């Protein structure tokens, strides 16, 4: 299974950050798996943002819930992240990953997103 993040590397404050994760080698609708977004600001630890599971149900970090939407395109085997009203504090490396009941077993390489005017 391979995951690849894509999207703009620079977003202006107050705009919406949009990233896509393209999955190959496995279907995002396969039972038992979830698909998640995780980010790491410079010099800080990993932060779980939210996930969409095989059924299409979603879950979000309470601290980001009001600004985050995760959706999917099953025809393209992709899932997307939208983060609204971004600020410079949203500058981070954004990762997509597959999650099972016990582990995050496959990760994308990550994509750096900078929020700046």
C-alpha atoms as a PDB file:
ATOM      1  CA  UNK A   1       0.000   0.000   0.000  1.00  0.00           C
ATOM      2  CA  UNK A   2       1.306   3.429  -0.932  1.00  0.00           C
ATOM      3  CA  UNK A   3      -0.029   6.827   0.035  1.00  0.00           C
ATOM      4  CA  UNK A   4       0.883  10.129  -1.588  1.00  0.00           C
ATOM      5  CA  UNK A   5      -0.094  13.575  -0.369  1.00  0.00           C
ATOM      6  CA  UNK A   6      -0.631  16.390  -2.835  1.00  0.00           C
ATOM      7  CA  UNK A   7      -1.670  20.012  -2.651  1.00  0.00           C
ATOM      8  CA  UNK A   8      -0.348  23.559  -2.477  1.00  0.00           C
ATOM      9  CA  UNK A   9       2.727  24.203  -0.401  1.00  0.00           C
ATOM     10  CA  UNK A  10       1.730  27.774   0.428  1.00  0.00           C
ATOM     11  CA  UNK A  11      -1.604  29.003   1.722  1.00  0.00           C
ATOM     12  CA  UNK A  12      -2.537  32.514   2.782  1.00  0.00           C
ATOM     13  CA  UNK A  13      -3.944  33.241   6.235  1.00  0.00           C
ATOM     14  CA  UNK A  14      -7.736  32.939   6.505  1.00  0.00           C
ATOM     15  CA  UNK A  15      -7.908  30.700   3.426  1.00  0.00           C
ATOM     16  CA  UNK A  16      -8.732  27.002   3.293  1.00  0.00           C
ATOM     17  CA  UNK A  17      -5.969  24.432   3.107  1.00  0.00           C
ATOM     18  CA  UNK A  18      -6.846  21.507   0.858  1.00  0.00           C
ATOM     19  CA  UNK A  19      -4.792  18.332   0.551  1.00  0.00           C
ATOM     20  CA  UNK A  20      -5.439  15.056  -1.227  1.00  0.00           C
ATOM     21  CA  UNK A  21      -4.086  11.634  -0.361  1.00  0.00           C
ATOM     22  CA  UNK A  22      -3.977   9.187  -3.240  1.00  0.00           C
ATOM     23  CA  UNK A  23      -3.905   5.549  -2.201  1.00  0.00           C
ATOM     24  CA  UNK A  24      -2.541   2.734  -4.352  1.00  0.00           C
ATOM     25  CA  UNK A  25      -2.230  -0.957  -3.684  1.00  0.00           C
ATOM     26  CA  UNK A  26      -5.343  -1.086  -1.552  1.00  0.00           C
ATOM     27  CA  UNK A  27      -8.889   0.239  -1.488  1.00  0.00           C
ATOM     28  CA  UNK A  28     -10.039   2.906   0.933  1.00  0.00           C
ATOM     29  CA  UNK A  29     -13.332   1.015   1.202  1.00  0.00           C
ATOM     30  CA  UNK A  30     -11.761  -2.220   2.461  1.00  0.00           C
ATOM     31  CA  UNK A  31     -13.334  -3.187   5.737  1.00  0.00           C
ATOM     32  CA  UNK A  32     -11.291  -2.706   8.860  1.00  0.00           C
ATOM     33  CA  UNK A  33      -9.169   0.227   7.814  1.00  0.00           C
ATOM     34  CA  UNK A  34      -9.235   3.907   8.540  1.00  0.00           C
ATOM     35  CA  UNK A  35      -7.518   6.696   6.673  1.00  0.00           C
ATOM     36  CA  UNK A  36      -6.156   9.546   8.654  1.00  0.00           C
ATOM     37  CA  UNK A  37      -4.481  12.925   8.515  1.00  0.00           C
ATOM     38  CA  UNK A  38      -1.676  13.773  10.904  1.00  0.00           C
ATOM     39  CA  UNK A  39       0.480  16.868  11.007  1.00  0.00           C
ATOM     40  CA  UNK A  40       3.745  17.957  12.571  1.00  0.00           C
ATOM     41  CA  UNK A  41       4.491  21.652  13.056  1.00  0.00           C
ATOM     42  CA  UNK A  42       8.168  22.628  12.928  1.00  0.00           C
ATOM     43  CA  UNK A  43       9.900  21.606  16.126  1.00  0.00           C
ATOM     44  CA  UNK A  44       6.783  19.995  17.576  1.00  0.00           C
ATOM     45  CA  UNK A  45       5.266  16.562  17.863  1.00  0.00           C
ATOM     46  CA  UNK A  46       2.747  14.740  15.735  1.00  0.00           C
ATOM     47  CA  UNK A  47      -0.879  15.845  15.936  1.00  0.00           C
ATOM     48  CA  UNK A  48      -3.755  13.618  14.866  1.00  0.00           C
ATOM     49  CA  UNK A  49      -6.284  15.689  12.934  1.00  0.00           C
ATOM     50  CA  UNK A  50      -8.998  13.271  11.941  1.00  0.00           C
ATOM     51  CA  UNK A  51      -9.890  10.208   9.959  1.00  0.00           C
ATOM     52  CA  UNK A  52     -12.364   8.644   7.590  1.00  0.00           C
ATOM     53  CA  UNK A  53     -13.021   4.954   7.899  1.00  0.00           C
ATOM     54  CA  UNK A  54     -13.905   2.380   5.245  1.00  0.00           C
ATOM     55  CA  UNK A  55     -17.615   2.999   5.697  1.00  0.00           C
ATOM     56  CA  UNK A  56     -17.242   6.723   5.128  1.00  0.00           C
ATOM     57  CA  UNK A  57     -17.752   7.769   8.728  1.00  0.00           C
ATOM     58  CA  UNK A  58     -15.470  10.490   9.990  1.00  0.00           C
ATOM     59  CA  UNK A  59     -13.946  11.577  13.269  1.00  0.00           C
ATOM     60  CA  UNK A  60     -12.013  14.690  14.171  1.00  0.00           C
ATOM     61  CA  UNK A  61      -9.707  16.046  16.797  1.00  0.00           C
ATOM     62  CA  UNK A  62     -11.810  18.146  19.196  1.00  0.00           C
ATOM     63  CA  UNK A  63      -9.369  21.019  18.912  1.00  0.00           C
ATOM     64  CA  UNK A  64      -9.687  21.119  15.108  1.00  0.00           C
ATOM     65  CA  UNK A  65     -13.211  19.851  14.582  1.00  0.00           C
ATOM     66  CA  UNK A  66     -14.746  23.224  13.833  1.00  0.00           C
ATOM     67  CA  UNK A  67     -12.288  23.842  10.983  1.00  0.00           C
ATOM     68  CA  UNK A  68     -11.695  20.350   9.556  1.00  0.00           C
ATOM     69  CA  UNK A  69     -13.475  18.319   6.923  1.00  0.00           C
ATOM     70  CA  UNK A  70     -12.278  14.944   5.650  1.00  0.00           C
ATOM     71  CA  UNK A  71     -13.986  13.447   2.617  1.00  0.00           C
ATOM     72  CA  UNK A  72     -13.269  10.814  -0.007  1.00  0.00           C
ATOM     73  CA  UNK A  73     -13.614   9.950  -3.659  1.00  0.00           C
ATOM     74  CA  UNK A  74     -13.950   6.198  -3.878  1.00  0.00           C
ATOM     75  CA  UNK A  75     -13.723   6.220  -7.670  1.00  0.00           C
ATOM     76  CA  UNK A  76     -10.282   7.793  -7.490  1.00  0.00           C
ATOM     77  CA  UNK A  77      -9.309   5.976  -4.266  1.00  0.00           C
ATOM     78  CA  UNK A  78      -8.481   9.301  -2.670  1.00  0.00           C
ATOM     79  CA  UNK A  79      -9.344  11.070   0.548  1.00  0.00           C
ATOM     80  CA  UNK A  80      -9.015  14.750   1.192  1.00  0.00           C
ATOM     81  CA  UNK A  81      -8.410  17.183   4.015  1.00  0.00           C
ATOM     82  CA  UNK A  82      -9.835  20.661   4.190  1.00  0.00           C
ATOM     83  CA  UNK A  83      -8.759  22.986   6.995  1.00  0.00           C
ATOM     84  CA  UNK A  84     -10.469  26.353   7.005  1.00  0.00           C
ATOM     85  CA  UNK A  85      -9.457  29.734   8.381  1.00  0.00           C
ATOM     86  CA  UNK A  86      -5.789  28.832   8.544  1.00  0.00           C
ATOM     87  CA  UNK A  87      -3.229  30.822  10.492  1.00  0.00           C
ATOM     88  CA  UNK A  88       0.570  30.615  10.584  1.00  0.00           C
ATOM     89  CA  UNK A  89       0.150  28.135  13.454  1.00  0.00           C
ATOM     90  CA  UNK A  90      -1.185  25.663  10.879  1.00  0.00           C
ATOM     91  CA  UNK A  91       2.211  25.571   9.179  1.00  0.00           C
ATOM     92  CA  UNK A  92       3.304  21.946   9.332  1.00  0.00           C
ATOM     93  CA  UNK A  93       4.241  18.810   7.483  1.00  0.00           C
ATOM     94  CA  UNK A  94       0.978  17.050   6.725  1.00  0.00           C
ATOM     95  CA  UNK A  95       0.868  13.274   6.503  1.00  0.00           C
ATOM     96  CA  UNK A  96      -1.793  10.837   5.447  1.00  0.00           C
ATOM     97  CA  UNK A  97      -1.704   7.335   6.854  1.00  0.00           C
ATOM     98  CA  UNK A  98      -3.650   4.106   7.044  1.00  0.00           C
ATOM     99  CA  UNK A  99      -4.744   2.995  10.456  1.00  0.00           C
ATOM    100  CA  UNK A 100      -5.749  -0.434  11.678  1.00  0.00           C
ATOM    101  CA  UNK A 101      -7.040  -1.466  15.078  1.00  0.00           C
ATOM    102  CA  UNK A 102      -3.512  -1.477  16.420  1.00  0.00           C
ATOM    103  CA  UNK A 103      -1.205   0.630  14.292  1.00  0.00           C
ATOM    104  CA  UNK A 104      -0.617   3.278  11.698  1.00  0.00           C
ATOM    105  CA  UNK A 105       0.885   0.861   9.238  1.00  0.00           C
ATOM    106  CA  UNK A 106       1.377   2.845   6.040  1.00  0.00           C
ATOM    107  CA  UNK A 107       2.283   6.509   5.724  1.00  0.00           C
ATOM    108  CA  UNK A 108       2.746   8.994   2.959  1.00  0.00           C
ATOM    109  CA  UNK A 109       6.027  10.863   2.768  1.00  0.00           C
ATOM    110  CA  UNK A 110       4.417  14.051   3.982  1.00  0.00           C
ATOM    111  CA  UNK A 111       3.981  17.442   2.407  1.00  0.00           C
ATOM    112  CA  UNK A 112       5.073  20.764   3.864  1.00  0.00           C
ATOM    113  CA  UNK A 113       2.410  23.443   3.985  1.00  0.00           C
ATOM    114  CA  UNK A 114       3.337  26.974   4.940  1.00  0.00           C
ATOM    115  CA  UNK A 115       0.713  29.533   5.922  1.00  0.00           C
ATOM    116  CA  UNK A 116       1.984  32.980   5.066  1.00  0.00           C
ATOM    117  CA  UNK A 117       0.912  36.096   3.276  1.00  0.00           C
END
